[in-house]
């Protein structure tokens, strides 16, 4: 199915211009590149939650083009790829946090495999991940902009991600919120309502009427790993939900109040999917999300929430996450704090994380950032025949360097 969607994308890229009248404006290819290097000195005292060894990195290259035609239609092309080295135990946010084994009923109600949360990619036990740098396709999509809305076809994020409202982050790529580069290796809060990542999909986004905009997406199969999320995270002794037929919907409101120098953005998102897993304990997936952003002068603040059933049909398996951030932009300086909290009944994990930092634009191409990050979590471990918990905490200093063209 993914292959057929990508073939359709290629065909549309050839046919769409032929369906339009003579071009009013021929676009140019644009190349954007950004590289981020982060060095951290994070103290970790629990082998179940190792912090990264101090060196993280990310490089993103994006190629895009837009052609506008006489009838007002705009055809956009976008291709993006990323090479990243995140915390080795937490690539693309996925990983193992805990020491659970299937012989303990409280660890695995089905007694055969340890379930993986489809909302996060985290499991409560198994062999720790140990990934180095990896490459990912972030975008390979065609966009048609019309007076009646925008259509998107290809490998890209869905409507729930495009239209949501979120908390601001302090640094360019390092964060403890739905983490890009996680310097602690212990962040568990992911309030982004997205279980497909960049998997091939079709999306529609309406024009904005009186501040309101709606959108919907359909993804046949969640099977493409991006730098920030792996919908197929599993491994020996673990079982994922294998989500398919994923639908996303979102309603966004945005308005500028000029007299008060206030910008407001809010959103409600929803996603649902079928489970194709062989493990009968998995069922239909459902998640609700909401977010709010406020911008006043040089201050920006936001909060985002997610509640998911983790596609778990064999009892309670809900996941809930909150994220919040507050940032002050003073010329070339950026000061801020961000924090997240989450609890997961499926993996018996609860945790919180925060980061305080400052960024400085050296020039239009280079940014330097400095911060202190801290994360703690109650990790599930066997305690005889029952389930116990062990508190883990990772915190320390980090430095980030970002270079872009």
Protein backbone atom coordinates (compact mmCIF):
# COMPACT_ATOMS: atom_id res chain seq x y z
CA UNK A 1 0.00 0.00 0.00
CA UNK A 2 2.81 2.40 0.83
CA UNK A 3 4.47 1.63 -2.48
CA UNK A 4 1.24 2.34 -4.36
CA UNK A 5 0.83 5.67 -2.57
CA UNK A 6 4.36 6.71 -3.45
CA UNK A 7 3.80 5.68 -7.06
CA UNK A 8 0.63 7.76 -7.05
CA UNK A 9 2.61 10.69 -5.68
CA UNK A 10 5.08 10.37 -8.55
CA UNK A 11 2.28 10.14 -11.09
CA UNK A 12 0.53 13.20 -9.70
CA UNK A 13 3.79 15.08 -9.85
CA UNK A 14 3.88 14.44 -13.58
CA UNK A 15 0.17 14.81 -14.34
CA UNK A 16 -0.82 17.77 -12.13
CA UNK A 17 1.13 20.39 -14.09
CA UNK A 18 -0.39 19.07 -17.32
CA UNK A 19 -3.89 19.62 -15.91
CA UNK A 20 -3.18 23.30 -15.21
CA UNK A 21 -3.11 26.18 -17.70
CA UNK A 22 0.11 27.99 -18.56
CA UNK A 23 2.20 28.77 -15.51
CA UNK A 24 1.90 32.24 -14.05
CA UNK A 25 5.08 31.85 -12.04
CA UNK A 26 7.69 29.15 -12.31
CA UNK A 27 9.20 28.23 -8.98
CA UNK A 28 12.80 27.59 -8.07
CA UNK A 29 14.30 24.69 -6.20
CA UNK A 30 15.28 25.62 -2.64
CA UNK A 31 17.82 23.83 -0.49
CA UNK A 32 17.75 24.19 3.29
CA UNK A 33 20.22 22.54 5.62
CA UNK A 34 20.69 22.56 9.38
CA UNK A 35 23.15 20.69 11.57
CA UNK A 36 22.93 20.49 15.36
CA UNK A 37 25.62 19.19 17.69
CA UNK A 38 24.96 18.77 21.40
CA UNK A 39 27.41 17.87 24.15
CA UNK A 40 26.07 16.93 27.56
CA UNK A 41 27.40 15.97 30.96
CA UNK A 42 24.40 14.15 32.42
CA UNK A 43 24.74 12.05 35.55
CA UNK A 44 22.94 8.70 35.47
CA UNK A 45 22.73 6.33 38.44
CA UNK A 46 20.51 3.52 37.13
CA UNK A 47 21.57 0.95 34.48
CA UNK A 48 17.92 0.59 33.47
CA UNK A 49 17.92 4.21 32.23
CA UNK A 50 21.40 5.10 30.95
CA UNK A 51 22.04 8.68 29.90
CA UNK A 52 23.70 9.25 26.51
CA UNK A 53 27.48 9.25 26.45
CA UNK A 54 27.61 13.01 25.97
CA UNK A 55 27.57 13.50 22.18
CA UNK A 56 24.33 13.93 20.24
CA UNK A 57 23.84 15.22 16.72
CA UNK A 58 21.30 15.85 13.99
CA UNK A 59 21.54 16.99 10.36
CA UNK A 60 18.49 17.83 8.23
CA UNK A 61 18.47 18.54 4.49
CA UNK A 62 15.29 19.76 2.77
CA UNK A 63 14.70 20.30 -0.95
CA UNK A 64 11.48 22.07 -1.98
CA UNK A 65 9.81 23.89 -4.85
CA UNK A 66 6.49 25.65 -5.53
CA UNK A 67 4.92 26.36 -8.94
CA UNK A 68 1.93 28.71 -9.15
CA UNK A 69 -0.44 28.51 -12.12
CA UNK A 70 -2.77 31.00 -13.82
CA UNK A 71 -5.85 29.46 -12.20
CA UNK A 72 -4.46 30.16 -8.72
CA UNK A 73 -3.38 26.62 -7.90
CA UNK A 74 0.04 26.11 -6.33
CA UNK A 75 1.86 22.81 -6.64
CA UNK A 76 4.49 22.16 -4.00
CA UNK A 77 7.19 19.51 -3.81
CA UNK A 78 9.12 18.68 -0.66
CA UNK A 79 11.79 16.11 0.14
CA UNK A 80 13.59 15.98 3.49
CA UNK A 81 16.00 13.55 5.10
CA UNK A 82 17.71 13.53 8.47
CA UNK A 83 20.75 11.81 9.94
CA UNK A 84 20.65 11.69 13.72
CA UNK A 85 22.41 10.31 16.74
CA UNK A 86 20.10 10.45 19.73
CA UNK A 87 20.51 8.76 23.10
CA UNK A 88 21.59 5.21 22.04
CA UNK A 89 19.01 3.61 24.35
CA UNK A 90 16.22 5.91 23.08
CA UNK A 91 16.38 6.24 19.26
CA UNK A 92 13.34 8.06 17.85
CA UNK A 93 11.94 8.28 21.42
CA UNK A 94 11.39 4.49 21.52
CA UNK A 95 13.17 2.27 24.00
CA UNK A 96 13.02 0.18 27.16
CA UNK A 97 12.42 1.77 30.56
CA UNK A 98 12.17 -0.88 33.24
CA UNK A 99 13.24 -4.38 34.17
CA UNK A 100 9.99 -6.25 33.62
CA UNK A 101 9.87 -9.92 32.60
CA UNK A 102 6.93 -11.89 31.20
CA UNK A 103 6.94 -14.35 34.11
CA UNK A 104 5.55 -11.61 36.38
CA UNK A 105 1.80 -11.29 35.62
CA UNK A 106 1.73 -7.62 36.60
CA UNK A 107 4.43 -6.95 33.99
CA UNK A 108 2.63 -8.69 31.15
CA UNK A 109 -1.05 -9.53 31.62
CA UNK A 110 -0.92 -11.79 28.54
CA UNK A 111 2.11 -13.65 29.92
CA UNK A 112 3.86 -14.13 26.57
CA UNK A 113 5.25 -10.80 25.36
CA UNK A 114 5.77 -7.37 26.87
CA UNK A 115 3.54 -4.81 25.12
CA UNK A 116 4.99 -1.70 23.46
CA UNK A 117 3.03 1.53 23.84
CA UNK A 118 1.91 2.72 20.39
CA UNK A 119 1.74 6.28 21.74
CA UNK A 120 5.44 6.38 22.67
CA UNK A 121 7.26 3.26 21.44
CA UNK A 122 8.31 2.48 25.03
CA UNK A 123 8.25 -0.94 26.71
CA UNK A 124 8.65 -1.95 30.35
CA UNK A 125 11.36 -4.55 29.78
CA UNK A 126 13.61 -6.42 27.39
CA UNK A 127 17.06 -5.79 26.00
CA UNK A 128 18.07 -2.15 26.00
CA UNK A 129 18.36 -0.46 22.63
CA UNK A 130 21.91 0.48 21.62
CA UNK A 131 21.58 2.40 18.36
CA UNK A 132 24.17 4.65 16.80
CA UNK A 133 23.53 7.23 14.12
CA UNK A 134 20.69 6.46 11.72
CA UNK A 135 19.15 8.04 8.64
CA UNK A 136 15.44 8.68 8.18
CA UNK A 137 13.13 9.96 5.48
CA UNK A 138 11.23 12.85 7.04
CA UNK A 139 9.22 14.07 4.05
CA UNK A 140 8.58 13.03 0.45
CA UNK A 141 5.30 14.75 -0.36
CA UNK A 142 3.35 16.65 -2.97
CA UNK A 143 1.08 19.54 -1.90
CA UNK A 144 -1.68 21.14 -3.96
CA UNK A 145 -2.81 24.51 -2.58
CA UNK A 146 -6.22 25.71 -3.79
CA UNK A 147 -8.79 28.32 -2.73
CA UNK A 148 -10.76 25.40 -1.23
CA UNK A 149 -7.94 24.07 0.91
CA UNK A 150 -4.70 22.13 0.67
CA UNK A 151 -4.19 18.50 -0.26
CA UNK A 152 -1.06 16.59 0.71
CA UNK A 153 -0.02 13.18 -0.60
CA UNK A 154 3.06 11.21 0.36
CA UNK A 155 5.38 10.62 3.29
CA UNK A 156 4.70 13.43 5.75
CA UNK A 157 3.14 14.20 9.13
CA UNK A 158 -0.64 14.13 9.42
CA UNK A 159 -3.31 16.73 10.08
CA UNK A 160 -3.21 16.29 13.87
CA UNK A 161 0.44 17.33 13.90
CA UNK A 162 0.12 20.08 11.29
CA UNK A 163 -2.73 21.86 13.09
CA UNK A 164 -1.98 21.24 16.74
CA UNK A 165 -0.95 23.90 19.26
CA UNK A 166 2.07 23.17 21.41
CA UNK A 167 4.46 24.39 24.05
CA UNK A 168 7.50 26.34 22.82
CA UNK A 169 10.94 24.81 23.27
CA UNK A 170 14.02 26.67 24.43
CA UNK A 171 16.74 25.26 22.16
CA UNK A 172 16.84 24.33 18.47
CA UNK A 173 16.77 20.52 18.63
CA UNK A 174 17.55 19.44 22.19
CA UNK A 175 14.39 19.15 24.27
CA UNK A 176 12.59 17.13 26.92
CA UNK A 177 9.19 17.64 25.23
CA UNK A 178 8.20 14.98 22.65
CA UNK A 179 11.96 14.92 22.54
CA UNK A 180 14.00 15.59 19.42
CA UNK A 181 17.44 15.05 20.97
CA UNK A 182 16.93 13.89 24.56
CA UNK A 183 20.04 14.63 26.66
CA UNK A 184 18.69 12.65 29.63
CA UNK A 185 17.61 9.45 27.88
CA UNK A 186 14.74 9.37 30.38
CA UNK A 187 12.02 11.67 28.99
CA UNK A 188 8.62 9.93 28.93
CA UNK A 189 6.26 12.81 28.05
CA UNK A 190 5.08 12.74 24.43
CA UNK A 191 1.88 14.75 24.01
CA UNK A 192 2.08 14.87 20.21
CA UNK A 193 -1.01 13.13 18.80
CA UNK A 194 0.90 11.21 16.17
CA UNK A 195 1.26 7.44 15.81
CA UNK A 196 2.20 7.43 12.11
CA UNK A 197 5.28 9.64 11.94
CA UNK A 198 6.20 10.19 8.31
CA UNK A 199 4.39 7.10 6.99
CA UNK A 200 2.76 7.62 3.59
CA UNK A 201 -0.67 9.25 3.86
CA UNK A 202 -3.19 11.58 2.27
CA UNK A 203 -4.28 14.77 4.05
CA UNK A 204 -6.70 17.63 3.53
CA UNK A 205 -6.51 21.01 5.29
CA UNK A 206 -9.31 23.54 4.85
CA UNK A 207 -8.82 27.28 4.41
CA UNK A 208 -9.00 29.27 7.64
CA UNK A 209 -12.50 30.76 8.16
CA UNK A 210 -13.00 33.25 11.01
CA UNK A 211 -9.90 31.85 12.63
CA UNK A 212 -10.98 28.21 12.31
CA UNK A 213 -9.29 25.54 10.22
CA UNK A 214 -10.03 21.83 10.04
CA UNK A 215 -8.00 18.95 8.69
CA UNK A 216 -8.05 15.19 8.25
CA UNK A 217 -5.55 12.49 7.28
CA UNK A 218 -5.63 8.82 6.36
CA UNK A 219 -2.63 6.51 6.70
CA UNK A 220 -2.99 2.91 5.46
CA UNK A 221 -0.09 1.55 7.50
CA UNK A 222 2.14 3.10 10.18
CA UNK A 223 5.47 1.69 9.09
CA UNK A 224 8.00 4.48 8.49
CA UNK A 225 10.43 5.49 11.21
CA UNK A 226 11.26 9.18 11.46
CA UNK A 227 13.88 10.81 13.65
CA UNK A 228 11.29 11.64 16.34
CA UNK A 229 9.08 8.55 16.32
CA UNK A 230 9.18 4.86 15.39
CA UNK A 231 5.68 3.37 14.88
CA UNK A 232 7.14 -0.13 14.53
CA UNK A 233 9.29 -0.16 17.66
CA UNK A 234 9.50 -3.68 19.06
CA UNK A 235 12.24 -6.26 19.64
CA UNK A 236 12.87 -9.66 21.21
CA UNK A 237 10.20 -10.47 23.77
CA UNK A 238 8.14 -7.38 22.92
CA UNK A 239 5.00 -6.88 20.84
CA UNK A 240 3.72 -3.73 19.15
CA UNK A 241 0.18 -2.79 18.17
CA UNK A 242 0.97 -2.72 14.40
CA UNK A 243 -1.49 0.09 13.72
CA UNK A 244 -3.20 0.36 10.34
CA UNK A 245 -6.06 2.32 8.77
CA UNK A 246 -5.20 5.36 10.87
CA UNK A 247 -7.49 8.38 10.71
CA UNK A 248 -6.56 11.77 12.14
CA UNK A 249 -8.68 14.86 12.57
CA UNK A 250 -7.97 18.33 13.94
CA UNK A 251 -9.70 21.66 14.53
CA UNK A 252 -7.46 24.70 14.91
CA UNK A 253 -8.28 28.26 15.98
CA UNK A 254 -5.86 31.15 15.52
CA UNK A 255 -6.42 34.85 16.02
CA UNK A 256 -4.35 38.00 16.42
CA UNK A 257 -5.64 40.66 18.84
CA UNK A 258 -3.73 43.70 17.61
CA UNK A 259 -4.80 46.15 20.31
CA UNK A 260 -3.69 43.79 23.07
CA UNK A 261 -0.60 42.64 21.14
CA UNK A 262 -1.79 39.09 21.73
CA UNK A 263 -1.77 36.07 19.44
CA UNK A 264 -3.85 33.03 20.39
CA UNK A 265 -3.70 29.58 18.86
CA UNK A 266 -5.67 26.57 20.10
CA UNK A 267 -6.35 23.11 18.73
CA UNK A 268 -8.20 19.88 19.42
CA UNK A 269 -6.95 16.69 17.75
CA UNK A 270 -8.20 13.11 17.44
CA UNK A 271 -6.79 9.90 16.03
CA UNK A 272 -8.06 6.35 15.76
CA UNK A 273 -6.73 3.18 14.17
CA UNK A 274 -7.11 -0.57 13.83
CA UNK A 275 -4.57 -2.98 15.28
CA UNK A 276 -3.06 -5.60 13.01
CA UNK A 277 -1.08 -7.23 15.83
CA UNK A 278 -1.10 -10.96 16.31
CA UNK A 279 -1.41 -10.38 20.05
CA UNK A 280 -5.15 -10.45 20.77
CA UNK A 281 -4.75 -8.15 23.77
CA UNK A 282 -4.32 -5.23 21.38
CA UNK A 283 -7.48 -3.62 20.00
CA UNK A 284 -8.58 -0.38 18.36
CA UNK A 285 -6.47 2.69 19.06
CA UNK A 286 -7.99 6.02 20.12
CA UNK A 287 -6.41 9.27 21.31
CA UNK A 288 -7.53 12.82 22.04
CA UNK A 289 -5.25 15.81 22.22
CA UNK A 290 -5.54 19.54 22.90
CA UNK A 291 -3.17 22.48 22.98
CA UNK A 292 -2.99 26.22 23.59
CA UNK A 293 -0.37 28.81 22.55
CA UNK A 294 -0.25 32.43 23.69
CA UNK A 295 2.14 35.08 22.39
CA UNK A 296 2.38 38.56 23.90
CA UNK A 297 5.21 40.88 22.96
CA UNK A 298 8.46 39.02 23.54
CA UNK A 299 6.80 36.24 25.57
CA UNK A 300 5.51 32.93 24.23
CA UNK A 301 3.85 30.23 26.31
CA UNK A 302 2.00 27.05 25.59
CA UNK A 303 0.61 23.80 26.92
CA UNK A 304 -0.35 20.53 25.22
CA UNK A 305 -2.18 17.42 26.47
CA UNK A 306 -2.69 13.89 25.14
CA UNK A 307 -4.83 11.01 26.34
CA UNK A 308 -4.59 7.63 24.60
CA UNK A 309 -5.94 4.14 25.25
CA UNK A 310 -2.68 2.63 23.89
CA UNK A 311 -4.81 0.28 21.74
CA UNK A 312 -4.98 -2.03 24.76
CA UNK A 313 -8.11 -4.18 25.01
CA UNK A 314 -7.05 -6.44 27.89
CA UNK A 315 -7.68 -4.04 30.76
CA UNK A 316 -6.42 -0.62 31.71
CA UNK A 317 -3.59 0.59 29.50
CA UNK A 318 -4.13 4.34 29.19
CA UNK A 319 -1.38 6.85 28.50
CA UNK A 320 -1.62 10.53 29.46
CA UNK A 321 0.93 13.30 28.93
CA UNK A 322 1.20 17.03 29.60
CA UNK A 323 3.80 19.44 28.23
CA UNK A 324 4.29 23.14 28.97
CA UNK A 325 6.80 25.82 28.04
CA UNK A 326 7.50 29.53 28.52
CA UNK A 327 10.04 31.46 26.42
CA UNK A 328 11.22 35.08 26.39
CA UNK A 329 12.87 36.46 23.24
CA UNK A 330 15.06 39.49 23.91
CA UNK A 331 16.77 40.49 20.69
CA UNK A 332 19.28 37.77 19.81
CA UNK A 333 18.79 36.11 23.20
CA UNK A 334 16.18 33.46 24.03
CA UNK A 335 15.47 32.41 27.62
CA UNK A 336 13.02 29.75 28.65
CA UNK A 337 11.88 26.73 30.59
CA UNK A 338 9.98 23.63 29.48
CA UNK A 339 8.53 20.71 31.41
CA UNK A 340 6.64 17.49 30.75
CA UNK A 341 4.86 14.81 32.74
CA UNK A 342 3.38 11.46 31.72
CA UNK A 343 1.88 8.31 33.16
CA UNK A 344 1.47 5.02 31.29
CA UNK A 345 -0.70 2.24 32.70
CA UNK A 346 0.37 -0.16 29.93
CA UNK A 347 4.06 -0.01 30.82
CA UNK A 348 3.51 0.90 34.51
CA UNK A 349 5.72 3.96 34.12
CA UNK A 350 5.37 7.51 35.41
CA UNK A 351 7.85 10.31 34.91
CA UNK A 352 8.56 14.01 34.64
CA UNK A 353 11.27 16.09 32.98
CA UNK A 354 12.26 19.74 32.68
CA UNK A 355 14.84 21.92 30.97
CA UNK A 356 15.90 25.48 31.62
CA UNK A 357 18.17 27.20 29.14
CA UNK A 358 19.29 30.13 27.07
CA UNK A 359 20.01 30.47 23.36
CA UNK A 360 21.93 33.14 21.47
CA UNK A 361 21.87 33.91 17.74
CA UNK A 362 25.51 34.57 16.87
CA UNK A 363 24.32 35.54 13.38
CA UNK A 364 21.57 34.45 11.01
CA UNK A 365 23.30 31.10 10.46
CA UNK A 366 24.68 30.11 13.88
CA UNK A 367 22.99 29.63 17.25
CA UNK A 368 24.52 28.65 20.58
CA UNK A 369 22.52 27.19 23.46
CA UNK A 370 23.21 26.29 27.07
CA UNK A 371 20.88 24.45 29.40
CA UNK A 372 20.29 22.22 32.39
CA UNK A 373 18.06 19.19 31.88
CA UNK A 374 16.56 16.86 34.46
CA UNK A 375 14.33 13.80 34.17
CA UNK A 376 13.05 11.26 36.65
CA UNK A 377 10.79 8.24 36.32
CA UNK A 378 9.37 5.39 38.37
CA UNK A 379 10.47 2.30 36.43
CA UNK A 380 8.68 -1.05 36.74
CA UNK A 381 10.79 -3.91 38.13
CA UNK A 382 9.87 -7.37 39.45
CA UNK A 383 9.49 -7.61 43.23
CA UNK A 384 9.01 -11.32 43.70
CA UNK A 385 5.66 -12.32 42.19
CA UNK A 386 4.40 -8.73 42.13
CA UNK A 387 5.39 -5.53 40.40
CA UNK A 388 7.62 -3.02 42.14
CA UNK A 389 9.11 0.30 41.08
CA UNK A 390 12.53 1.87 41.14
CA UNK A 391 13.12 5.59 40.88
CA UNK A 392 15.64 6.72 38.28
CA UNK A 393 16.94 10.22 37.78
CA UNK A 394 19.24 11.71 35.14
CA UNK A 395 20.26 15.37 35.13
CA UNK A 396 23.10 17.55 33.96
CA UNK A 397 24.48 20.35 31.82
CA UNK A 398 24.30 20.56 28.02
CA UNK A 399 25.63 22.78 25.23
CA UNK A 400 24.05 22.98 21.78
CA UNK A 401 25.50 24.37 18.53
CA UNK A 402 23.23 24.88 15.51
CA UNK A 403 24.40 25.85 12.01
CA UNK A 404 22.03 26.47 9.09
CA UNK A 405 22.28 27.92 5.61
